[in-house]
């Protein structure tokens, strides 16, 4: 597992590092603004999303079953909407 992570980090382009850094800084500033350190739990997931890509976040897009793919698309949209509403309410 450690070798896989170091290989993923080594193959990351500078553009991906810059994008991850900017998003992480904006996210950390948001956490300071809302005065919540609990949100630091998300930072490793941001690192995985942009750099290591160990977790397959869009696994459902590769499904062959059209119905299940459609259902997962709706669930993805609903979860995104709920997260957006949460941040708007804060």
Protein backbone atom coordinates (compact mmCIF):
# COMPACT_ATOMS: atom_id res chain seq x y z
CA UNK A 1 0.00 0.00 0.00
CA UNK A 2 2.79 2.45 0.87
CA UNK A 3 4.52 1.78 -2.45
CA UNK A 4 1.26 2.42 -4.29
CA UNK A 5 0.83 5.77 -2.55
CA UNK A 6 4.40 6.88 -3.23
CA UNK A 7 4.05 5.86 -6.89
CA UNK A 8 0.80 7.84 -7.16
CA UNK A 9 2.40 10.89 -5.53
CA UNK A 10 5.41 10.67 -7.85
CA UNK A 11 3.26 10.56 -10.98
CA UNK A 12 1.20 13.63 -10.03
CA UNK A 13 1.69 16.69 -12.20
CA UNK A 14 2.50 20.11 -10.75
CA UNK A 15 -0.86 21.36 -12.05
CA UNK A 16 -2.68 18.80 -9.87
CA UNK A 17 -0.62 19.82 -6.84
CA UNK A 18 -1.45 23.48 -7.42
CA UNK A 19 -5.15 22.73 -7.86
CA UNK A 20 -5.22 20.62 -4.67
CA UNK A 21 -3.31 23.30 -2.74
CA UNK A 22 -5.65 26.11 -3.81
CA UNK A 23 -8.78 24.12 -2.98
CA UNK A 24 -7.34 23.02 0.37
CA UNK A 25 -6.42 26.60 1.30
CA UNK A 26 -9.90 27.85 0.37
CA UNK A 27 -11.43 25.01 2.36
CA UNK A 28 -9.25 25.74 5.40
CA UNK A 29 -10.17 29.44 5.22
CA UNK A 30 -13.82 28.39 5.13
CA UNK A 31 -13.28 26.25 8.25
CA UNK A 32 -11.70 29.23 10.03
CA UNK A 33 -14.62 31.42 8.97
CA UNK A 34 -17.24 29.01 10.36
CA UNK A 35 -15.02 28.30 13.39
CA UNK A 36 -15.15 24.52 13.02
CA UNK A 37 -12.12 22.26 13.29
CA UNK A 38 -14.25 19.17 12.74
CA UNK A 39 -14.07 19.81 9.01
CA UNK A 40 -10.36 18.89 9.05
CA UNK A 41 -11.56 15.31 8.62
CA UNK A 42 -12.17 16.13 4.93
CA UNK A 43 -8.57 17.16 4.15
CA UNK A 44 -7.24 13.57 3.64
CA UNK A 45 -10.12 12.94 1.25
CA UNK A 46 -9.16 16.05 -0.74
CA UNK A 47 -5.60 14.72 -0.89
CA UNK A 48 -6.87 11.40 -2.21
CA UNK A 49 -9.23 13.03 -4.68
CA UNK A 50 -6.52 15.14 -6.31
CA UNK A 51 -3.22 13.34 -5.68
CA UNK A 52 -3.28 9.63 -4.81
CA UNK A 53 -6.64 8.64 -6.37
CA UNK A 54 -6.76 5.42 -4.34
CA UNK A 55 -10.52 5.64 -3.76
CA UNK A 56 -12.51 5.31 -6.98
CA UNK A 57 -14.97 8.16 -6.43
CA UNK A 58 -16.87 7.64 -9.69
CA UNK A 59 -17.07 3.85 -9.64
CA UNK A 60 -20.74 3.91 -10.56
CA UNK A 61 -20.07 5.66 -13.89
CA UNK A 62 -18.41 2.46 -15.14
CA UNK A 63 -21.46 0.25 -14.46
CA UNK A 64 -22.94 -1.62 -17.40
CA UNK A 65 -26.45 -1.82 -15.91
CA UNK A 66 -28.24 1.30 -17.19
CA UNK A 67 -30.87 1.32 -14.43
CA UNK A 68 -28.34 1.11 -11.58
CA UNK A 69 -26.18 3.73 -13.27
CA UNK A 70 -29.22 6.03 -13.50
CA UNK A 71 -30.11 5.47 -9.83
CA UNK A 72 -26.55 6.18 -8.71
CA UNK A 73 -26.52 9.33 -10.85
CA UNK A 74 -29.61 10.57 -9.01
CA UNK A 75 -28.13 9.68 -5.62
CA UNK A 76 -24.95 11.57 -6.55
CA UNK A 77 -26.99 14.64 -7.50
CA UNK A 78 -29.08 14.47 -4.31
CA UNK A 79 -26.01 14.16 -2.07
CA UNK A 80 -24.39 17.12 -3.84
CA UNK A 81 -27.56 19.16 -3.34
CA UNK A 82 -27.73 18.26 0.36
CA UNK A 83 -24.10 19.25 0.89
CA UNK A 84 -24.69 22.54 -0.95
CA UNK A 85 -27.77 23.26 1.19
CA UNK A 86 -25.76 22.49 4.34
CA UNK A 87 -23.07 25.02 3.40
CA UNK A 88 -25.63 27.63 2.42
CA UNK A 89 -27.35 27.23 5.80
CA UNK A 90 -24.08 27.70 7.65
